[in-house]
Amino acid sequence: MRGVDELQELDRVFGALSHQTRRAILLVLHVNGGVMTSGAIAARFACSWQTTSRHLRVLEEAGLVKPMLRGRERVYELNADQLRTLTTGWIDRFRSTEGGPAPVLAAQDPDTPGHHTA
């Protein structure tokens, strides 16, 4: 099912983005050209190697980074397209369109049932 698969993918991405360190890893990758070794990434953070490795694995499972082997080093590449596509697609669903639902915070008409005046 396309809808269920899409929601599961969104859950993985937003779950990965829910942790401050993982968001920081993505930013570090981005400002460093999108590709870094695992050691260079780990050196930027005060957490243990095991914790950094766990964060990288979550980002990998969400499709936000791609691991590669270069010789004996593990290199991570930012998958910015995945991040942009999923988050923009999600946000676009909530953009107001002409004839669409009224904004949630719209002022209520005084004649509308349930509207109270002081």
Protein backbone atom coordinates (compact mmCIF):
# COMPACT_ATOMS: atom_id res chain seq x y z
CA MET A 1 0.00 0.00 0.00
CA ARG A 2 1.44 3.31 -1.06
CA GLY A 3 -0.16 5.32 1.76
CA VAL A 4 0.97 2.97 4.53
CA ASP A 5 4.50 2.72 3.11
CA GLU A 6 4.71 6.49 2.81
CA LEU A 7 3.57 6.96 6.42
CA GLN A 8 6.13 4.42 7.65
CA GLU A 9 8.86 6.22 5.71
CA LEU A 10 7.75 9.54 7.21
CA ASP A 11 7.79 7.98 10.69
CA ARG A 12 11.40 6.83 10.14
CA VAL A 13 12.49 10.27 8.90
CA PHE A 14 10.69 12.31 11.54
CA GLY A 15 11.82 9.83 14.21
CA ALA A 16 15.41 10.31 13.08
CA LEU A 17 14.97 14.09 13.09
CA SER A 18 13.45 14.04 16.57
CA HIS A 19 16.86 13.85 18.26
CA GLN A 20 19.01 16.97 18.50
CA THR A 21 22.28 15.09 17.92
CA ARG A 22 21.00 13.50 14.71
CA ARG A 23 19.87 16.89 13.41
CA ALA A 24 23.32 18.23 14.29
CA ILE A 25 25.01 15.35 12.42
CA LEU A 26 22.99 16.22 9.32
CA LEU A 27 24.02 19.87 9.62
CA VAL A 28 27.69 18.96 10.13
CA LEU A 29 27.56 16.77 7.02
CA HIS A 30 25.87 19.53 5.05
CA VAL A 31 28.36 22.27 5.93
CA ASN A 32 31.27 19.92 5.23
CA GLY A 33 30.26 19.17 1.67
CA GLY A 34 27.90 16.28 2.41
CA VAL A 35 30.56 13.57 2.87
CA MET A 36 32.60 12.74 6.00
CA THR A 37 34.24 9.76 7.61
CA SER A 38 32.58 8.30 10.68
CA GLY A 39 35.63 9.30 12.74
CA ALA A 40 35.41 12.92 11.60
CA ILE A 41 31.71 12.98 12.48
CA ALA A 42 32.31 11.40 15.89
CA ALA A 43 35.09 13.90 16.66
CA ARG A 44 32.54 16.73 16.46
CA PHE A 45 30.42 15.38 19.31
CA ALA A 46 31.03 14.79 23.02
CA CYS A 47 29.15 11.47 23.08
CA SER A 48 30.84 8.07 22.93
CA TRP A 49 31.65 6.33 19.66
CA GLN A 50 28.89 3.78 20.34
CA THR A 51 26.31 6.55 20.74
CA THR A 52 27.46 8.31 17.57
CA SER A 53 27.37 5.00 15.72
CA ARG A 54 23.81 4.41 16.91
CA HIS A 55 22.76 7.88 15.70
CA LEU A 56 24.35 7.23 12.31
CA ARG A 57 22.52 3.89 12.05
CA VAL A 58 19.15 5.61 12.74
CA LEU A 59 19.93 8.22 10.06
CA GLU A 60 20.91 5.42 7.67
CA GLU A 61 17.68 3.46 8.33
CA ALA A 62 15.72 6.65 7.61
CA GLY A 63 17.56 7.03 4.30
CA LEU A 64 19.07 10.37 5.33
CA VAL A 65 22.70 9.21 5.05
CA LYS A 66 24.37 6.61 2.88
CA PRO A 67 27.33 4.68 4.29
CA MET A 68 30.19 3.68 1.99
CA LEU A 69 33.49 1.95 2.54
CA ARG A 70 36.65 3.69 1.34
CA GLY A 71 39.45 1.33 2.08
CA ARG A 72 39.18 0.72 5.81
CA GLU A 73 37.20 3.87 6.54
CA ARG A 74 33.44 4.14 6.72
CA VAL A 75 32.25 7.29 4.97
CA TYR A 76 28.80 8.81 5.30
CA GLU A 77 27.13 10.81 2.55
CA LEU A 78 24.21 13.11 3.25
CA ASN A 79 21.08 12.22 1.28
CA ALA A 80 19.66 15.74 1.17
CA ASP A 81 17.27 14.82 -1.66
CA GLN A 82 15.49 12.30 0.59
CA LEU A 83 15.24 14.85 3.37
CA ARG A 84 13.91 17.57 1.05
CA THR A 85 11.47 15.34 -0.80
CA LEU A 86 9.82 13.83 2.27
CA THR A 87 9.68 16.91 4.46
CA THR A 88 8.57 19.25 1.66
CA GLY A 89 5.92 16.75 0.55
CA TRP A 90 4.59 16.52 4.10
CA ILE A 91 4.52 20.30 4.59
CA ASP A 92 2.92 20.89 1.18
CA ARG A 93 -0.11 18.90 2.31
CA PHE A 94 -0.88 21.62 4.82
CA ARG A 95 -0.44 24.65 2.60
CA SER A 96 -3.65 26.63 2.27
CA THR A 97 -5.18 26.50 -1.18
CA GLU A 98 -8.00 28.57 -2.60
CA GLY A 99 -11.27 26.84 -1.81
CA GLY A 100 -9.56 24.61 0.74
CA PRO A 101 -10.21 24.40 4.44
CA ALA A 102 -10.15 27.61 6.43
CA PRO A 103 -7.04 28.30 8.51
CA VAL A 104 -7.29 26.90 12.02
CA LEU A 105 -6.65 30.23 13.69
CA ALA A 106 -9.13 32.23 11.58
CA ALA A 107 -11.29 34.73 13.41
CA GLN A 108 -14.74 33.34 14.07
CA ASP A 109 -17.82 35.14 12.74
CA PRO A 110 -19.76 36.65 15.71
CA ASP A 111 -22.97 35.11 14.34
CA THR A 112 -21.47 31.60 14.36
CA PRO A 113 -22.97 29.27 17.01
CA GLY A 114 -20.53 28.79 19.84
CA HIS A 115 -19.01 32.27 19.49
CA HIS A 116 -19.09 34.06 22.80
CA THR A 117 -18.65 37.75 23.47
CA ALA A 118 -17.50 39.13 26.76
